[in-house]
C-alpha atoms as a PDB file:
ATOM      1  CA  MET A   1    -144.283   2.840  -5.079  1.00  0.00           C
ATOM      2  CA  TYR A   2    -142.735   2.724  -1.794  1.00  0.00           C
ATOM      3  CA  GLY A   3    -140.024   1.895   0.087  1.00  0.00           C
ATOM      4  CA  PRO A   4    -136.635   1.376  -0.506  1.00  0.00           C
ATOM      5  CA  ASP A   5    -137.294  -1.417  -3.098  1.00  0.00           C
ATOM      6  CA  PHE A   6    -139.070   0.170  -5.547  1.00  0.00           C
ATOM      7  CA  ALA A   7    -136.913   2.768  -4.568  1.00  0.00           C
ATOM      8  CA  ALA A   8    -133.225   1.120  -5.434  1.00  0.00           C
ATOM      9  CA  ASP A   9    -135.130   0.543  -8.907  1.00  0.00           C
ATOM     10  CA  PRO A  10    -138.281   1.852 -10.183  1.00  0.00           C
ATOM     11  CA  GLN A  11    -136.900   0.430 -13.620  1.00  0.00           C
ATOM     12  CA  ALA A  12    -137.207  -2.982 -12.786  1.00  0.00           C
ATOM     13  CA  VAL A  13    -140.487  -2.499 -11.260  1.00  0.00           C
ATOM     14  CA  TYR A  14    -141.678   0.007 -14.724  1.00  0.00           C
ATOM     15  CA  GLN A  15    -140.163  -3.466 -16.534  1.00  0.00           C
ATOM     16  CA  ARG A  16    -142.575  -6.079 -14.408  1.00  0.00           C
ATOM     17  CA  LEU A  17    -146.077  -3.668 -14.690  1.00  0.00           C
ATOM     18  CA  ARG A  18    -144.397  -3.509 -18.408  1.00  0.00           C
ATOM     19  CA  ALA A  19    -145.868  -7.112 -19.367  1.00  0.00           C
ATOM     20  CA  LEU A  20    -149.178  -6.579 -17.727  1.00  0.00           C
ATOM     21  CA  GLY A  21    -150.579  -4.713 -20.545  1.00  0.00           C
ATOM     22  CA  PRO A  22    -149.972  -1.260 -20.778  1.00  0.00           C
ATOM     23  CA  ALA A  23    -151.146   0.785 -17.712  1.00  0.00           C
ATOM     24  CA  ALA A  24    -151.003  -1.757 -14.489  1.00  0.00           C
ATOM     25  CA  PRO A  25    -152.592  -1.974 -10.663  1.00  0.00           C
ATOM     26  CA  VAL A  26    -150.243  -0.003  -8.035  1.00  0.00           C
ATOM     27  CA  GLU A  27    -150.562   1.175  -4.437  1.00  0.00           C
ATOM     28  CA  LEU A  28    -148.400   5.235  -4.615  1.00  0.00           C
ATOM     29  CA  ALA A  29    -149.167   4.896  -0.326  1.00  0.00           C
ATOM     30  CA  PRO A  30    -150.125   2.956   2.157  1.00  0.00           C
ATOM     31  CA  GLY A  31    -153.685   2.074   1.352  1.00  0.00           C
ATOM     32  CA  ALA A  32    -153.531   4.753  -1.842  1.00  0.00           C
ATOM     33  CA  HIS A  33    -154.052   2.734  -4.979  1.00  0.00           C
ATOM     34  CA  ALA A  34    -154.535   3.998  -8.777  1.00  0.00           C
ATOM     35  CA  THR A  35    -153.341   2.563 -12.018  1.00  0.00           C
ATOM     36  CA  LEU A  36    -149.656   3.832 -13.324  1.00  0.00           C
ATOM     37  CA  VAL A  37    -149.035   4.175 -17.079  1.00  0.00           C
ATOM     38  CA  THR A  38    -146.431   2.808 -18.689  1.00  0.00           C
ATOM     39  CA  ASP A  39    -146.247   3.242 -22.448  1.00  0.00           C
ATOM     40  CA  TYR A  40    -145.568   5.914 -24.033  1.00  0.00           C
ATOM     41  CA  ARG A  41    -148.634   6.320 -26.816  1.00  0.00           C
ATOM     42  CA  ALA A  42    -150.751   4.943 -23.888  1.00  0.00           C
ATOM     43  CA  ALA A  43    -149.565   8.253 -22.243  1.00  0.00           C
ATOM     44  CA  LEU A  44    -150.520  10.808 -24.639  1.00  0.00           C
ATOM     45  CA  GLU A  45    -153.458   9.313 -24.831  1.00  0.00           C
ATOM     46  CA  VAL A  46    -154.311  10.121 -21.292  1.00  0.00           C
ATOM     47  CA  LEU A  47    -152.296  13.203 -21.414  1.00  0.00           C
ATOM     48  CA  ARG A  48    -153.964  14.510 -24.251  1.00  0.00           C
ATOM     49  CA  SER A  49    -158.120  12.862 -23.985  1.00  0.00           C
ATOM     50  CA  PRO A  50    -159.327  15.748 -21.347  1.00  0.00           C
ATOM     51  CA  GLU A  51    -162.882  14.849 -22.645  1.00  0.00           C
ATOM     52  CA  ILE A  52    -162.172  11.328 -21.844  1.00  0.00           C
ATOM     53  CA  PHE A  53    -158.968  12.043 -18.516  1.00  0.00           C
ATOM     54  CA  ALA A  54    -160.397  14.778 -16.507  1.00  0.00           C
ATOM     55  CA  LYS A  55    -158.082  16.915 -14.159  1.00  0.00           C
ATOM     56  CA  ASP A  56    -159.941  17.998 -10.759  1.00  0.00           C
ATOM     57  CA  ALA A  57    -159.286  15.675  -8.253  1.00  0.00           C
ATOM     58  CA  ARG A  58    -163.157  16.230  -6.488  1.00  0.00           C
ATOM     59  CA  ARG A  59    -163.973  12.934  -8.627  1.00  0.00           C
ATOM     60  CA  TRP A  60    -161.602  10.980  -6.426  1.00  0.00           C
ATOM     61  CA  ARG A  61    -163.139   8.481  -5.108  1.00  0.00           C
ATOM     62  CA  ALA A  62    -162.109   7.112  -2.743  1.00  0.00           C
ATOM     63  CA  LEU A  63    -160.836   9.898  -0.990  1.00  0.00           C
ATOM     64  CA  ALA A  64    -164.243  11.144  -1.580  1.00  0.00           C
ATOM     65  CA  ASP A  65    -165.581   8.295   0.105  1.00  0.00           C
ATOM     66  CA  GLY A  66    -162.903   7.771   2.921  1.00  0.00           C
ATOM     67  CA  ARG A  67    -161.448   4.427   1.167  1.00  0.00           C
ATOM     68  CA  VAL A  68    -157.747   7.196   1.529  1.00  0.00           C
ATOM     69  CA  ALA A  69    -157.755   9.461   4.671  1.00  0.00           C
ATOM     70  CA  ALA A  70    -157.283  12.279   4.885  1.00  0.00           C
ATOM     71  CA  ASP A  71    -153.612  12.663   6.432  1.00  0.00           C
ATOM     72  CA  ASN A  72    -151.986   9.507   3.659  1.00  0.00           C
ATOM     73  CA  PRO A  73    -149.122  11.398   2.876  1.00  0.00           C
ATOM     74  CA  VAL A  74    -149.761  11.491  -1.201  1.00  0.00           C
ATOM     75  CA  VAL A  75    -153.090  13.816  -0.264  1.00  0.00           C
ATOM     76  CA  PRO A  76    -151.336  17.029  -0.542  1.00  0.00           C
ATOM     77  CA  MET A  77    -149.344  16.049  -3.640  1.00  0.00           C
ATOM     78  CA  MET A  78    -153.059  14.980  -5.760  1.00  0.00           C
ATOM     79  CA  ALA A  79    -156.345  16.730  -3.375  1.00  0.00           C
ATOM     80  CA  TYR A  80    -157.629  18.864  -5.314  1.00  0.00           C
ATOM     81  CA  ARG A  81    -156.801  23.068  -5.144  1.00  0.00           C
ATOM     82  CA  PRO A  82    -158.680  25.907  -7.217  1.00  0.00           C
ATOM     83  CA  ASN A  83    -155.422  26.170  -9.796  1.00  0.00           C
ATOM     84  CA  CYS A  84    -154.315  25.682 -13.309  1.00  0.00           C
ATOM     85  CA  LEU A  85    -153.069  21.690 -12.523  1.00  0.00           C
ATOM     86  CA  PHE A  86    -156.175  20.633 -11.139  1.00  0.00           C
ATOM     87  CA  SER A  87    -159.028  21.992 -13.564  1.00  0.00           C
ATOM     88  CA  ASP A  88    -160.386  21.138 -16.729  1.00  0.00           C
ATOM     89  CA  GLY A  89    -162.244  22.957 -19.262  1.00  0.00           C
ATOM     90  CA  ASP A  90    -163.616  26.788 -18.934  1.00  0.00           C
ATOM     91  CA  ALA A  91    -161.843  27.024 -15.602  1.00  0.00           C
ATOM     92  CA  HIS A  92    -158.302  25.626 -16.805  1.00  0.00           C
ATOM     93  CA  ARG A  93    -158.460  28.360 -19.737  1.00  0.00           C
ATOM     94  CA  ARG A  94    -159.147  31.014 -16.909  1.00  0.00           C
ATOM     95  CA  LEU A  95    -156.184  29.952 -14.668  1.00  0.00           C
ATOM     96  CA  ARG A  96    -153.123  29.489 -17.007  1.00  0.00           C
ATOM     97  CA  GLN A  97    -153.785  32.804 -18.864  1.00  0.00           C
ATOM     98  CA  ALA A  98    -152.564  34.117 -15.982  1.00  0.00           C
ATOM     99  CA  VAL A  99    -150.241  31.801 -15.141  1.00  0.00           C
ATOM    100  CA  THR A 100    -148.971  32.209 -19.095  1.00  0.00           C
ATOM    101  CA  ASP A 101    -149.138  35.878 -19.135  1.00  0.00           C
ATOM    102  CA  SER A 102    -147.477  36.237 -16.464  1.00  0.00           C
ATOM    103  CA  LEU A 103    -144.381  34.536 -16.827  1.00  0.00           C
ATOM    104  CA  SER A 104    -144.238  36.031 -20.247  1.00  0.00           C
ATOM    105  CA  ARG A 105    -143.317  38.707 -18.499  1.00  0.00           C
ATOM    106  CA  ILE A 106    -140.025  37.665 -17.339  1.00  0.00           C
ATOM    107  CA  ASP A 107    -137.206  38.964 -18.692  1.00  0.00           C
ATOM    108  CA  PRO A 108    -135.574  35.735 -19.788  1.00  0.00           C
ATOM    109  CA  ASN A 109    -131.931  38.114 -20.350  1.00  0.00           C
ATOM    110  CA  ALA A 110    -132.289  39.278 -17.058  1.00  0.00           C
ATOM    111  CA  LEU A 111    -133.793  35.779 -15.824  1.00  0.00           C
ATOM    112  CA  ARG A 112    -130.826  34.120 -17.428  1.00  0.00           C
ATOM    113  CA  GLY A 113    -128.409  37.435 -15.699  1.00  0.00           C
ATOM    114  CA  TYR A 114    -130.361  36.405 -12.744  1.00  0.00           C
ATOM    115  CA  VAL A 115    -129.037  32.574 -12.718  1.00  0.00           C
ATOM    116  CA  GLU A 116    -125.742  33.098 -13.876  1.00  0.00           C
ATOM    117  CA  ARG A 117    -124.979  35.646 -10.738  1.00  0.00           C
ATOM    118  CA  SER A 118    -126.843  33.252  -7.959  1.00  0.00           C
ATOM    119  CA  ALA A 119    -124.946  30.177  -9.700  1.00  0.00           C
ATOM    120  CA  ASP A 120    -121.872  32.112  -9.508  1.00  0.00           C
ATOM    121  CA  THR A 121    -122.411  33.062  -5.628  1.00  0.00           C
ATOM    122  CA  LEU A 122    -122.854  29.247  -4.712  1.00  0.00           C
ATOM    123  CA  ILE A 123    -119.858  28.424  -6.558  1.00  0.00           C
ATOM    124  CA  ASP A 124    -117.704  31.274  -4.983  1.00  0.00           C
ATOM    125  CA  ARG A 125    -118.729  29.093  -1.945  1.00  0.00           C
ATOM    126  CA  PHE A 126    -117.401  25.990  -1.794  1.00  0.00           C
ATOM    127  CA  ALA A 127    -114.912  26.064  -4.682  1.00  0.00           C
ATOM    128  CA  GLY A 128    -111.973  26.452  -2.649  1.00  0.00           C
ATOM    129  CA  LEU A 129    -112.624  23.973  -0.060  1.00  0.00           C
ATOM    130  CA  GLY A 130    -111.605  20.967  -2.599  1.00  0.00           C
ATOM    131  CA  GLU A 131    -114.916  19.542  -2.027  1.00  0.00           C
ATOM    132  CA  ALA A 132    -118.770  19.868  -2.688  1.00  0.00           C
ATOM    133  CA  ASP A 133    -122.273  19.301  -1.364  1.00  0.00           C
ATOM    134  CA  LEU A 134    -123.342  19.596  -4.840  1.00  0.00           C
ATOM    135  CA  LEU A 135    -127.248  18.750  -3.921  1.00  0.00           C
ATOM    136  CA  GLY A 136    -127.272  20.770  -0.421  1.00  0.00           C
ATOM    137  CA  ALA A 137    -124.578  23.486  -1.270  1.00  0.00           C
ATOM    138  CA  TYR A 138    -126.024  24.021  -5.034  1.00  0.00           C
ATOM    139  CA  ALA A 139    -128.553  22.243  -6.607  1.00  0.00           C
ATOM    140  CA  LYS A 140    -131.293  22.644  -3.605  1.00  0.00           C
ATOM    141  CA  VAL A 141    -130.082  26.685  -2.707  1.00  0.00           C
ATOM    142  CA  LEU A 142    -130.615  27.619  -6.541  1.00  0.00           C
ATOM    143  CA  PRO A 143    -133.864  27.006  -7.495  1.00  0.00           C
ATOM    144  CA  LEU A 144    -134.628  28.683  -3.949  1.00  0.00           C
ATOM    145  CA  LEU A 145    -132.718  31.561  -5.093  1.00  0.00           C
ATOM    146  CA  VAL A 146    -134.404  32.049  -8.347  1.00  0.00           C
ATOM    147  CA  PHE A 147    -138.005  31.847  -7.207  1.00  0.00           C
ATOM    148  CA  GLN A 148    -137.281  34.529  -4.394  1.00  0.00           C
ATOM    149  CA  GLN A 149    -136.547  36.871  -7.169  1.00  0.00           C
ATOM    150  CA  LEU A 150    -139.181  36.088  -9.095  1.00  0.00           C
ATOM    151  CA  PHE A 151    -142.409  35.901  -7.060  1.00  0.00           C
ATOM    152  CA  GLY A 152    -140.731  39.438  -4.986  1.00  0.00           C
ATOM    153  CA  CYS A 153    -140.601  37.037  -1.913  1.00  0.00           C
ATOM    154  CA  PRO A 154    -138.176  38.111   1.261  1.00  0.00           C
ATOM    155  CA  PRO A 155    -136.193  34.774   2.392  1.00  0.00           C
ATOM    156  CA  GLU A 156    -137.259  33.805   5.348  1.00  0.00           C
ATOM    157  CA  LEU A 157    -140.772  33.246   4.020  1.00  0.00           C
ATOM    158  CA  GLY A 158    -138.969  31.201   1.555  1.00  0.00           C
ATOM    159  CA  ASP A 159    -137.378  29.378   3.645  1.00  0.00           C
ATOM    160  CA  ARG A 160    -140.716  28.073   4.857  1.00  0.00           C
ATOM    161  CA  LEU A 161    -141.346  27.523   1.946  1.00  0.00           C
ATOM    162  CA  VAL A 162    -139.035  25.030   0.679  1.00  0.00           C
ATOM    163  CA  GLU A 163    -139.437  23.944   3.572  1.00  0.00           C
ATOM    164  CA  GLY A 164    -143.365  22.505   3.490  1.00  0.00           C
ATOM    165  CA  PHE A 165    -142.298  22.205  -0.215  1.00  0.00           C
ATOM    166  CA  SER A 166    -140.034  19.004   0.970  1.00  0.00           C
ATOM    167  CA  GLY A 167    -141.792  17.316   3.692  1.00  0.00           C
ATOM    168  CA  ILE A 168    -144.705  17.439   0.858  1.00  0.00           C
ATOM    169  CA  PHE A 169    -142.601  15.798  -1.720  1.00  0.00           C
ATOM    170  CA  ASP A 170    -141.423  13.290   0.017  1.00  0.00           C
ATOM    171  CA  GLY A 171    -144.293  12.598   2.630  1.00  0.00           C
ATOM    172  CA  VAL A 172    -142.786  13.692   5.335  1.00  0.00           C
ATOM    173  CA  ASP A 173    -145.529  14.359   8.073  1.00  0.00           C
ATOM    174  CA  ALA A 174    -147.238  15.709   5.342  1.00  0.00           C
ATOM    175  CA  GLU A 175    -150.147  18.024   6.705  1.00  0.00           C
ATOM    176  CA  ARG A 176    -147.921  19.947   8.570  1.00  0.00           C
ATOM    177  CA  ALA A 177    -146.231  21.280   5.890  1.00  0.00           C
ATOM    178  CA  ASP A 178    -149.416  21.978   4.235  1.00  0.00           C
ATOM    179  CA  ALA A 179    -150.234  23.904   6.954  1.00  0.00           C
ATOM    180  CA  LEU A 180    -146.883  25.630   5.937  1.00  0.00           C
ATOM    181  CA  ILE A 181    -146.883  26.136   2.845  1.00  0.00           C
ATOM    182  CA  ALA A 182    -150.332  27.860   3.452  1.00  0.00           C
ATOM    183  CA  ASP A 183    -149.737  29.904   6.230  1.00  0.00           C
ATOM    184  CA  SER A 184    -146.597  31.325   4.733  1.00  0.00           C
ATOM    185  CA  LEU A 185    -148.457  31.929   1.487  1.00  0.00           C
ATOM    186  CA  VAL A 186    -151.027  34.474   2.689  1.00  0.00           C
ATOM    187  CA  GLU A 187    -148.421  36.153   4.363  1.00  0.00           C
ATOM    188  CA  LEU A 188    -146.493  36.671   1.054  1.00  0.00           C
ATOM    189  CA  ILE A 189    -149.923  38.049  -0.501  1.00  0.00           C
ATOM    190  CA  GLY A 190    -150.646  40.386   2.362  1.00  0.00           C
ATOM    191  CA  LEU A 191    -147.448  41.349   1.475  1.00  0.00           C
ATOM    192  CA  LYS A 192    -147.902  42.651  -2.042  1.00  0.00           C
ATOM    193  CA  HIS A 193    -151.387  44.142  -1.866  1.00  0.00           C
ATOM    194  CA  ALA A 194    -149.876  46.406   0.227  1.00  0.00           C
ATOM    195  CA  GLU A 195    -146.724  47.238  -1.146  1.00  0.00           C
ATOM    196  CA  PRO A 196    -146.342  45.718  -5.252  1.00  0.00           C
ATOM    197  CA  GLY A 197    -144.092  45.321  -7.010  1.00  0.00           C
ATOM    198  CA  ALA A 198    -142.665  43.522 -10.233  1.00  0.00           C
ATOM    199  CA  ASP A 199    -143.595  39.713  -9.117  1.00  0.00           C
ATOM    200  CA  MET A 200    -145.136  37.106 -10.172  1.00  0.00           C
ATOM    201  CA  THR A 201    -146.675  38.125  -7.234  1.00  0.00           C
ATOM    202  CA  SER A 202    -148.425  41.362  -7.766  1.00  0.00           C
ATOM    203  CA  TRP A 203    -148.849  40.251 -11.723  1.00  0.00           C
ATOM    204  CA  LEU A 204    -150.788  37.416 -10.733  1.00  0.00           C
ATOM    205  CA  MET A 205    -152.658  39.919  -8.399  1.00  0.00           C
ATOM    206  CA  ALA A 206    -152.836  42.846 -11.350  1.00  0.00           C
ATOM    207  CA  HIS A 207    -154.191  40.145 -14.179  1.00  0.00           C
ATOM    208  CA  HIS A 208    -158.088  40.295 -15.806  1.00  0.00           C
ATOM    209  CA  ALA A 209    -158.974  36.914 -14.383  1.00  0.00           C
ATOM    210  CA  ARG A 210    -159.191  38.584 -11.693  1.00  0.00           C
ATOM    211  CA  LEU A 211    -158.510  35.925  -8.957  1.00  0.00           C
ATOM    212  CA  THR A 212    -159.903  35.790  -5.117  1.00  0.00           C
ATOM    213  CA  ASP A 213    -156.437  35.108  -2.599  1.00  0.00           C
ATOM    214  CA  GLU A 214    -157.339  31.529  -1.886  1.00  0.00           C
ATOM    215  CA  GLU A 215    -157.029  30.840  -5.769  1.00  0.00           C
ATOM    216  CA  LEU A 216    -153.709  33.133  -5.539  1.00  0.00           C
ATOM    217  CA  ILE A 217    -152.718  30.591  -2.794  1.00  0.00           C
ATOM    218  CA  HIS A 218    -153.435  27.665  -4.976  1.00  0.00           C
ATOM    219  CA  GLN A 219    -151.996  29.648  -7.737  1.00  0.00           C
ATOM    220  CA  HIS A 220    -148.739  29.790  -6.387  1.00  0.00           C
ATOM    221  CA  VAL A 221    -148.609  26.221  -5.049  1.00  0.00           C
ATOM    222  CA  VAL A 222    -148.807  24.674  -8.333  1.00  0.00           C
ATOM    223  CA  LEU A 223    -146.010  27.046  -9.679  1.00  0.00           C
ATOM    224  CA  ILE A 224    -143.437  27.517  -6.731  1.00  0.00           C
ATOM    225  CA  GLY A 225    -144.221  23.732  -6.234  1.00  0.00           C
ATOM    226  CA  ALA A 226    -143.185  22.734  -9.702  1.00  0.00           C
ATOM    227  CA  GLY A 227    -140.404  25.615  -9.742  1.00  0.00           C
ATOM    228  CA  THR A 228    -138.769  24.101  -6.604  1.00  0.00           C
ATOM    229  CA  GLU A 229    -138.186  20.338  -6.069  1.00  0.00           C
ATOM    230  CA  PRO A 230    -138.788  18.808  -9.049  1.00  0.00           C
ATOM    231  CA  GLN A 231    -136.289  21.742  -9.953  1.00  0.00           C
ATOM    232  CA  GLN A 232    -133.722  20.927  -7.982  1.00  0.00           C
ATOM    233  CA  ASN A 233    -133.977  17.284  -9.279  1.00  0.00           C
ATOM    234  CA  LEU A 234    -132.750  18.293 -12.862  1.00  0.00           C
ATOM    235  CA  ILE A 235    -130.173  20.311 -11.473  1.00  0.00           C
ATOM    236  CA  ALA A 236    -129.038  16.996  -9.749  1.00  0.00           C
ATOM    237  CA  ASN A 237    -129.161  14.893 -11.918  1.00  0.00           C
ATOM    238  CA  ALA A 238    -127.877  16.818 -15.377  1.00  0.00           C
ATOM    239  CA  LEU A 239    -125.041  17.658 -12.747  1.00  0.00           C
ATOM    240  CA  ARG A 240    -124.250  13.733 -12.640  1.00  0.00           C
ATOM    241  CA  LEU A 241    -124.562  13.255 -16.315  1.00  0.00           C
ATOM    242  CA  LEU A 242    -121.561  16.132 -16.854  1.00  0.00           C
ATOM    243  CA  LEU A 243    -119.851  14.979 -13.989  1.00  0.00           C
ATOM    244  CA  SER A 244    -119.977  10.673 -14.566  1.00  0.00           C
ATOM    245  CA  ASP A 245    -119.939  10.260 -17.239  1.00  0.00           C
ATOM    246  CA  ASP A 246    -117.681   9.782 -20.849  1.00  0.00           C
ATOM    247  CA  ARG A 247    -119.956  11.067 -23.344  1.00  0.00           C
ATOM    248  CA  PHE A 248    -119.831  14.357 -21.909  1.00  0.00           C
ATOM    249  CA  ALA A 249    -116.690  15.183 -20.426  1.00  0.00           C
ATOM    250  CA  GLY A 250    -114.793  17.843 -21.500  1.00  0.00           C
ATOM    251  CA  ASP A 251    -113.466  21.363 -21.410  1.00  0.00           C
ATOM    252  CA  LEU A 252    -117.164  22.807 -20.298  1.00  0.00           C
ATOM    253  CA  ALA A 253    -115.355  26.537 -20.624  1.00  0.00           C
ATOM    254  CA  GLY A 254    -114.300  25.973 -24.344  1.00  0.00           C
ATOM    255  CA  GLY A 255    -117.819  25.441 -25.552  1.00  0.00           C
ATOM    256  CA  SER A 256    -116.618  20.977 -25.844  1.00  0.00           C
ATOM    257  CA  MET A 257    -118.909  20.107 -23.208  1.00  0.00           C
ATOM    258  CA  PRO A 258    -122.669  20.178 -24.981  1.00  0.00           C
ATOM    259  CA  VAL A 259    -124.538  21.130 -22.060  1.00  0.00           C
ATOM    260  CA  GLU A 260    -128.058  20.969 -23.516  1.00  0.00           C
ATOM    261  CA  ASP A 261    -127.387  17.817 -25.367  1.00  0.00           C
ATOM    262  CA  ALA A 262    -126.732  15.797 -21.410  1.00  0.00           C
ATOM    263  CA  LEU A 263    -130.827  18.355 -20.126  1.00  0.00           C
ATOM    264  CA  ASP A 264    -132.197  16.885 -23.008  1.00  0.00           C
ATOM    265  CA  GLU A 265    -130.632  12.876 -22.599  1.00  0.00           C
ATOM    266  CA  VAL A 266    -131.529  13.175 -17.885  1.00  0.00           C
ATOM    267  CA  LEU A 267    -135.612  14.375 -19.384  1.00  0.00           C
ATOM    268  CA  TRP A 268    -135.266  11.457 -21.351  1.00  0.00           C
ATOM    269  CA  LEU A 269    -133.760   9.385 -18.993  1.00  0.00           C
ATOM    270  CA  ASP A 270    -134.443   9.875 -15.476  1.00  0.00           C
ATOM    271  CA  PRO A 271    -136.833  13.056 -15.574  1.00  0.00           C
ATOM    272  CA  PRO A 272    -137.535  15.351 -12.291  1.00  0.00           C
ATOM    273  CA  MET A 273    -140.958  14.675 -12.036  1.00  0.00           C
ATOM    274  CA  ALA A 274    -141.059  10.790 -12.185  1.00  0.00           C
ATOM    275  CA  ASN A 275    -144.297  10.078 -11.390  1.00  0.00           C
ATOM    276  CA  TYR A 276    -147.181  12.518 -11.482  1.00  0.00           C
ATOM    277  CA  GLY A 277    -149.691  13.335 -14.135  1.00  0.00           C
ATOM    278  CA  VAL A 278    -153.007  12.214 -11.912  1.00  0.00           C
ATOM    279  CA  HIS A 279    -156.140  11.805 -13.878  1.00  0.00           C
ATOM    280  CA  TYR A 280    -159.642  10.928 -13.353  1.00  0.00           C
ATOM    281  CA  PRO A 281    -161.461   8.311 -16.123  1.00  0.00           C
ATOM    282  CA  VAL A 282    -164.571  10.584 -16.563  1.00  0.00           C
ATOM    283  CA  GLN A 283    -166.403   7.255 -16.684  1.00  0.00           C
ATOM    284  CA  ASP A 284    -165.394   3.883 -17.031  1.00  0.00           C
ATOM    285  CA  VAL A 285    -163.455   2.978 -19.674  1.00  0.00           C
ATOM    286  CA  ASP A 286    -161.417  -0.679 -21.596  1.00  0.00           C
ATOM    287  CA  PHE A 287    -157.884   1.215 -21.859  1.00  0.00           C
ATOM    288  CA  GLY A 288    -155.831  -0.771 -24.109  1.00  0.00           C
ATOM    289  CA  GLY A 289    -157.459  -3.850 -22.760  1.00  0.00           C
ATOM    290  CA  VAL A 290    -157.232  -2.464 -19.037  1.00  0.00           C
ATOM    291  CA  PRO A 291    -160.172  -1.520 -17.207  1.00  0.00           C
ATOM    292  CA  LEU A 292    -160.254   1.817 -15.672  1.00  0.00           C
ATOM    293  CA  ARG A 293    -162.851   2.800 -13.481  1.00  0.00           C
ATOM    294  CA  ALA A 294    -164.465   6.638 -12.961  1.00  0.00           C
ATOM    295  CA  GLY A 295    -162.976   8.499 -10.643  1.00  0.00           C
ATOM    296  CA  GLU A 296    -160.216   6.028  -9.508  1.00  0.00           C
ATOM    297  CA  PRO A 297    -156.619   7.571  -9.846  1.00  0.00           C
ATOM    298  CA  VAL A 298    -154.499   7.429 -13.406  1.00  0.00           C
ATOM    299  CA  VAL A 299    -151.134   8.250 -12.645  1.00  0.00           C
ATOM    300  CA  VAL A 300    -148.983   8.923 -15.307  1.00  0.00           C
ATOM    301  CA  SER A 301    -145.062   7.147 -14.917  1.00  0.00           C
ATOM    302  CA  PHE A 302    -143.098  10.237 -16.902  1.00  0.00           C
ATOM    303  CA  ALA A 303    -139.731   8.539 -16.009  1.00  0.00           C
ATOM    304  CA  ALA A 304    -141.352   4.625 -17.376  1.00  0.00           C
ATOM    305  CA  ALA A 305    -142.860   5.902 -20.733  1.00  0.00           C
ATOM    306  CA  ASN A 306    -140.010   7.248 -21.793  1.00  0.00           C
ATOM    307  CA  THR A 307    -137.852   4.447 -21.732  1.00  0.00           C
ATOM    308  CA  ASP A 308    -140.245   2.435 -23.181  1.00  0.00           C
ATOM    309  CA  PRO A 309    -138.998  -0.515 -25.157  1.00  0.00           C
ATOM    310  CA  ALA A 310    -140.709   0.750 -28.549  1.00  0.00           C
ATOM    311  CA  LEU A 311    -138.548   4.361 -28.518  1.00  0.00           C
ATOM    312  CA  LEU A 312    -135.486   2.805 -28.331  1.00  0.00           C
ATOM    313  CA  SER A 313    -132.734   4.620 -30.035  1.00  0.00           C
ATOM    314  CA  ASP A 314    -129.200   5.481 -30.712  1.00  0.00           C
ATOM    315  CA  GLN A 315    -130.014   8.878 -31.222  1.00  0.00           C
ATOM    316  CA  ARG A 316    -131.968  11.158 -29.206  1.00  0.00           C
ATOM    317  CA  THR A 317    -129.820  14.264 -29.590  1.00  0.00           C
ATOM    318  CA  GLY A 318    -131.554  17.057 -29.965  1.00  0.00           C
ATOM    319  CA  ASN A 319    -134.837  14.358 -29.842  1.00  0.00           C
ATOM    320  CA  ARG A 320    -137.590  16.196 -27.136  1.00  0.00           C
ATOM    321  CA  ALA A 321    -140.185  14.003 -27.060  1.00  0.00           C
ATOM    322  CA  HIS A 322    -140.152  13.243 -24.343  1.00  0.00           C
ATOM    323  CA  LEU A 323    -143.122  13.591 -21.250  1.00  0.00           C
ATOM    324  CA  ALA A 324    -140.603  15.078 -19.187  1.00  0.00           C
ATOM    325  CA  TRP A 325    -142.679  18.513 -19.818  1.00  0.00           C
ATOM    326  CA  SER A 326    -145.883  16.173 -19.649  1.00  0.00           C
ATOM    327  CA  ALA A 327    -147.861  17.226 -22.601  1.00  0.00           C
ATOM    328  CA  GLY A 328    -151.753  17.996 -24.179  1.00  0.00           C
ATOM    329  CA  PRO A 329    -153.747  21.228 -22.321  1.00  0.00           C
ATOM    330  CA  HIS A 330    -151.369  21.012 -18.678  1.00  0.00           C
ATOM    331  CA  THR A 331    -148.062  20.540 -20.210  1.00  0.00           C
ATOM    332  CA  CYS A 332    -145.577  22.795 -18.761  1.00  0.00           C
ATOM    333  CA  PRO A 333    -146.117  26.290 -19.164  1.00  0.00           C
ATOM    334  CA  ALA A 334    -142.192  27.730 -18.090  1.00  0.00           C
ATOM    335  CA  LYS A 335    -139.892  24.659 -19.069  1.00  0.00           C
ATOM    336  CA  ASP A 336    -138.209  27.446 -20.839  1.00  0.00           C
ATOM    337  CA  ALA A 337    -137.475  28.631 -17.734  1.00  0.00           C
ATOM    338  CA  ALA A 338    -136.399  25.487 -16.430  1.00  0.00           C
ATOM    339  CA  ARG A 339    -134.053  24.829 -19.037  1.00  0.00           C
ATOM    340  CA  LEU A 340    -132.822  27.923 -18.357  1.00  0.00           C
END
């Protein structure tokens, strides 16, 4: 699951893995082994069965006993943090409620206006040049501007956070990236303790869940992590489709280009997080003929599940049953803001 061969043609890898059943053994990074779920219905079973498949990564046996080194590049993406993504049961409900309640305080009209103004500013910078790097000059920058606004984050802190999250997602000097994120978030939370504002950071602090500073840091890790790299992937993948696929050709200003349809197609065929949704069986289990051991990672391939041959259809318009937002108790709480 790493290196140029997988990157060049992941669908070919998924096709080979499907021959082994609904899930198959993979190596995520050197020395980090897991089982990858490639079947749509099997993925739903994992995502919707928290009594069998837990999220708390303290169950990860290979990390706990040293078979996976602490500096392995996948560890910052998979190791336990006290936030809603890595918790189960009552702990998950408490932490997730703080997130959903804070997200509900965002004015969608104000957010739309801010996104539009930010997008216009970025487009104006390259519109007269005759060419544009749509990844570097647009897709990477727009989420940064938006989350700085949502979290009340000064620009210099925002730049450091994006550098840190990029390092984690890319597996480049992951330990340094993790430290950069932690230091920057400690500084942001300190600023908001001194001067709270109308922003997500301050709302999380004031929530009746009474989050500790450590929990606040790690809630921010999951929220900002989900709001930067995956969001830039969604924007870039959608732009590529709109600009290159004849089915979506048309005059956007005239309203004839179905952007929502294009976005749904990207979420089906090229989801911004292709392989994640890590779970840990609470006991040994037979999973459609595939033996899964307790405490060994089970990774959901959203990309493979969405392209499961059993789902093939020419009519996907308006169909939002894809797994790009995950499913079950850990489904993305910010999908409406992400689509906007």
